[in-house]
Protein backbone atom coordinates (compact mmCIF):
# COMPACT_ATOMS: atom_id res chain seq x y z
CA UNK A 1 19.76 17.49 11.02
CA UNK A 2 21.84 20.54 10.26
CA UNK A 3 21.47 23.96 11.95
CA UNK A 4 23.13 27.27 11.07
CA UNK A 5 23.60 29.80 13.88
CA UNK A 6 24.03 33.39 12.63
CA UNK A 7 25.10 35.41 15.71
CA UNK A 8 27.89 38.04 15.97
CA UNK A 9 28.44 37.49 19.71
CA UNK A 10 30.82 34.51 19.70
CA UNK A 11 30.25 33.68 23.37
CA UNK A 12 26.48 33.58 22.87
CA UNK A 13 26.85 31.66 19.57
CA UNK A 14 28.98 29.07 21.34
CA UNK A 15 26.39 28.86 24.14
CA UNK A 16 23.60 28.19 21.66
CA UNK A 17 25.78 25.63 19.90
CA UNK A 18 26.45 23.83 23.21
CA UNK A 19 22.72 23.76 23.87
CA UNK A 20 21.89 21.93 20.67
CA UNK A 21 24.99 20.14 19.39
CA UNK A 22 24.06 16.85 21.02
CA UNK A 23 20.95 16.76 18.78
CA UNK A 24 22.09 18.65 15.68
CA UNK A 25 25.05 19.21 13.41
CA UNK A 26 25.89 22.91 13.90
CA UNK A 27 27.68 25.51 11.80
CA UNK A 28 28.28 29.13 12.87
CA UNK A 29 28.45 32.45 11.05
CA UNK A 30 29.44 35.61 12.89
CA UNK A 31 27.97 38.43 10.79
CA UNK A 32 25.00 38.82 8.43
CA UNK A 33 26.95 38.65 5.20
CA UNK A 34 28.75 35.47 6.26
CA UNK A 35 25.36 34.02 7.31
CA UNK A 36 23.95 34.85 3.89
CA UNK A 37 26.81 33.08 2.11
CA UNK A 38 26.45 30.02 4.32
CA UNK A 39 22.69 29.86 3.79
CA UNK A 40 23.03 30.39 0.07
CA UNK A 41 25.69 27.73 -0.51
CA UNK A 42 24.62 25.01 1.93
CA UNK A 43 21.48 23.18 3.03
CA UNK A 44 20.20 23.55 6.58
CA UNK A 45 17.12 22.27 8.34
CA UNK A 46 16.87 25.45 10.46
CA UNK A 47 18.66 28.80 10.69
CA UNK A 48 18.90 30.47 14.12
CA UNK A 49 19.18 34.17 13.40
CA UNK A 50 20.15 37.16 15.51
CA UNK A 51 18.84 40.57 14.42
CA UNK A 52 21.50 43.08 15.43
CA UNK A 53 24.67 42.19 13.50
CA UNK A 54 27.35 43.98 11.47
CA UNK A 55 27.66 43.82 7.68
CA UNK A 56 24.03 42.85 7.21
CA UNK A 57 21.44 42.80 10.05
CA UNK A 58 19.04 39.94 10.57
CA UNK A 59 16.10 41.67 8.92
CA UNK A 60 18.16 42.38 5.82
CA UNK A 61 19.54 38.81 5.73
CA UNK A 62 16.08 37.26 6.08
CA UNK A 63 14.60 39.54 3.43
CA UNK A 64 17.41 38.64 1.03
CA UNK A 65 17.00 34.90 1.64
CA UNK A 66 13.27 34.97 1.04
CA UNK A 67 13.64 37.15 -2.07
CA UNK A 68 15.90 34.44 -3.49
CA UNK A 69 13.40 31.68 -2.68
CA UNK A 70 15.61 30.20 0.08
CA UNK A 71 12.84 28.81 2.29
CA UNK A 72 14.87 27.30 5.11
CA UNK A 73 12.92 27.68 8.38
CA UNK A 74 14.27 30.63 10.42
CA UNK A 75 14.09 31.02 14.17
CA UNK A 76 14.90 34.58 15.23
CA UNK A 77 16.77 34.55 18.53
CA UNK A 78 17.20 38.11 19.81
CA UNK A 79 17.06 40.45 22.78
CA UNK A 80 14.61 42.68 20.84
CA UNK A 81 11.35 41.85 22.58
CA UNK A 82 8.90 44.53 21.41
CA UNK A 83 5.72 43.49 19.63
CA UNK A 84 6.76 45.68 16.69
CA UNK A 85 10.04 43.75 16.28
CA UNK A 86 8.26 40.40 16.51
CA UNK A 87 5.64 41.38 13.96
CA UNK A 88 8.31 42.72 11.59
CA UNK A 89 10.39 39.54 11.85
CA UNK A 90 7.47 37.21 11.27
CA UNK A 91 6.07 39.39 8.47
CA UNK A 92 9.26 39.34 6.40
CA UNK A 93 9.57 35.58 6.61
CA UNK A 94 10.67 34.27 10.02
CA UNK A 95 8.99 31.08 11.15
CA UNK A 96 9.42 31.63 14.90
CA UNK A 97 10.71 34.25 17.29
CA UNK A 98 12.41 33.60 20.64
CA UNK A 99 13.60 36.32 23.01
CA UNK A 100 16.89 36.18 24.94
CA UNK A 101 17.49 34.99 27.57
CA UNK A 102 16.03 31.62 26.79
CA UNK A 103 15.73 28.17 28.34
CA UNK A 104 17.57 25.34 26.60
CA UNK A 105 14.45 23.11 26.69
CA UNK A 106 12.32 25.76 24.94
CA UNK A 107 14.94 26.34 22.22
CA UNK A 108 15.12 22.61 21.48
CA UNK A 109 11.33 22.33 21.49
CA UNK A 110 10.98 25.20 19.04
CA UNK A 111 13.64 23.73 16.73
CA UNK A 112 11.92 20.36 16.77
CA UNK A 113 8.57 21.97 16.00
CA UNK A 114 10.02 23.91 13.05
CA UNK A 115 11.64 20.83 11.57
CA UNK A 116 8.48 18.80 12.06
CA UNK A 117 6.34 21.50 10.47
CA UNK A 118 8.75 21.96 7.54
CA UNK A 119 8.86 18.24 6.82
CA UNK A 120 5.09 18.06 7.01
CA UNK A 121 4.81 20.99 4.62
CA UNK A 122 6.82 19.27 1.93
CA UNK A 123 5.53 15.75 2.33
CA UNK A 124 2.74 14.94 -0.08
CA UNK A 125 1.83 11.81 -1.98
CA UNK A 126 3.68 12.83 -5.14
CA UNK A 127 5.99 15.38 -6.70
CA UNK A 128 6.52 15.70 -10.44
CA UNK A 129 8.57 17.01 -13.29
CA UNK A 130 6.74 17.06 -16.61
CA UNK A 131 5.28 13.50 -16.92
CA UNK A 132 7.73 12.13 -14.36
CA UNK A 133 6.10 11.50 -11.00
CA UNK A 134 7.54 10.29 -7.69
CA UNK A 135 5.31 8.64 -5.09
CA UNK A 136 7.01 9.56 -1.83
CA UNK A 137 5.11 7.07 0.29
CA UNK A 138 5.95 3.88 -1.60
CA UNK A 139 9.13 5.34 -3.19
CA UNK A 140 8.12 4.51 -6.74
CA UNK A 141 8.73 6.56 -9.86
CA UNK A 142 6.66 6.68 -13.05
CA UNK A 143 6.82 8.37 -16.45
CA UNK A 144 3.24 8.19 -17.66
CA UNK A 145 2.11 4.68 -16.72
CA UNK A 146 5.63 3.17 -16.97
CA UNK A 147 7.48 2.52 -13.71
CA UNK A 148 11.14 3.54 -13.50
CA UNK A 149 13.22 1.08 -11.52
CA UNK A 150 15.36 3.07 -9.14
CA UNK A 151 17.82 1.60 -6.66
CA UNK A 152 18.34 2.99 -3.16
CA UNK A 153 19.62 6.53 -3.18
CA UNK A 154 18.83 6.94 -6.91
CA UNK A 155 15.34 7.70 -5.72
CA UNK A 156 16.64 10.23 -3.15
CA UNK A 157 18.79 11.89 -5.77
CA UNK A 158 15.92 12.18 -8.23
CA UNK A 159 13.65 13.57 -5.48
CA UNK A 160 16.23 16.22 -4.65
CA UNK A 161 16.66 17.12 -8.31
CA UNK A 162 12.90 17.48 -8.81
CA UNK A 163 12.53 19.60 -5.71
CA UNK A 164 15.37 21.81 -6.98
CA UNK A 165 14.33 21.78 -10.66
CA UNK A 166 15.76 24.54 -12.78
CA UNK A 167 18.37 25.22 -10.07
CA UNK A 168 21.99 24.12 -10.08
CA UNK A 169 22.81 21.93 -7.10
CA UNK A 170 26.42 21.24 -6.31
CA UNK A 171 27.95 17.90 -5.44
CA UNK A 172 28.59 19.15 -1.94
CA UNK A 173 24.91 20.07 -1.49
CA UNK A 174 23.79 16.67 -2.76
CA UNK A 175 26.29 14.86 -0.54
CA UNK A 176 25.26 16.78 2.59
CA UNK A 177 21.56 16.31 1.91
CA UNK A 178 21.56 12.58 0.96
CA UNK A 179 24.61 11.05 2.55
CA UNK A 180 25.33 13.51 5.34
CA UNK A 181 28.49 15.50 5.93
CA UNK A 182 29.84 12.92 8.37
CA UNK A 183 29.51 10.01 5.94
CA UNK A 184 32.61 7.85 5.47
CA UNK A 185 32.25 7.79 1.70
CA UNK A 186 33.31 10.54 -0.74
CA UNK A 187 31.47 12.79 -3.16
CA UNK A 188 32.60 10.50 -5.98
CA UNK A 189 29.69 8.24 -5.08
CA UNK A 190 27.33 10.92 -6.49
CA UNK A 191 28.70 10.35 -10.01
CA UNK A 192 27.96 6.62 -9.72
CA UNK A 193 24.35 7.23 -8.68
CA UNK A 194 23.85 10.03 -11.20
CA UNK A 195 25.10 7.78 -13.96
CA UNK A 196 22.76 4.99 -12.97
CA UNK A 197 19.85 7.43 -12.72
CA UNK A 198 20.67 8.85 -16.17
CA UNK A 199 20.61 5.32 -17.69
CA UNK A 200 17.16 4.69 -16.29
CA UNK A 201 15.84 8.07 -17.51
CA UNK A 202 17.35 7.47 -20.96
CA UNK A 203 14.97 4.53 -21.50
CA UNK A 204 12.13 7.08 -21.57
CA UNK A 205 13.95 9.98 -23.23
CA UNK A 206 14.26 11.94 -19.99
CA UNK A 207 18.03 11.83 -19.70
CA UNK A 208 18.18 15.03 -21.80
CA UNK A 209 16.71 16.94 -18.89
CA UNK A 210 19.43 15.89 -16.42
CA UNK A 211 22.45 18.04 -17.17
CA UNK A 212 25.91 17.75 -15.66
CA UNK A 213 27.96 20.88 -15.06
CA UNK A 214 31.46 19.54 -14.82
CA UNK A 215 33.26 20.55 -11.68
CA UNK A 216 30.04 22.03 -10.27
CA UNK A 217 27.08 19.68 -10.02
CA UNK A 218 23.76 18.91 -11.67
CA UNK A 219 20.54 20.53 -12.77
CA UNK A 220 17.20 19.01 -13.81
CA UNK A 221 15.73 21.46 -16.31
CA UNK A 222 13.41 21.56 -19.33
């Protein structure tokens, strides 16, 4: 699980990191604009967001993320404890709000709850793209009534492509999401799986929807 901390106070950011790094992979941004670029270009399970920051404050960052359909769960972690601030943060798209100072156990519990809730939100029996359907419980894929035979991470790759349909996803994003940033393999493995997936889709005329952007990544689009 990957967490982004957006906090301009480096000492506090490092403290939060130390609290959670045994359980999560952590990256840090130290102003709102940097946090926006991290969140836009990478995939995180949760973003921990301060409100009072230079360049772009937390409210502005959160509003920008949600306006661009970046739905990563956001935990606001701030010293601003008024009801007005809490209501504003939750109204513009935060998923939880925790006031400083905080207890490590509560922070971890809230992160776990957000991740559990987010996974539960996305998990359903099937997802689809045109007549292509994935059954997420038994990990089977069908186009119409014909089953597509997918091997291992081909299914995970296709699931990610469908969830991100009509959006370019980079090799780095795919690698981090499916293999994990600490994997011993390289991003070249993505080309192998994408090629195998394309061959299976070609049997049903669906390879035309999977487009490769050389040097960038892939997009599943009609």
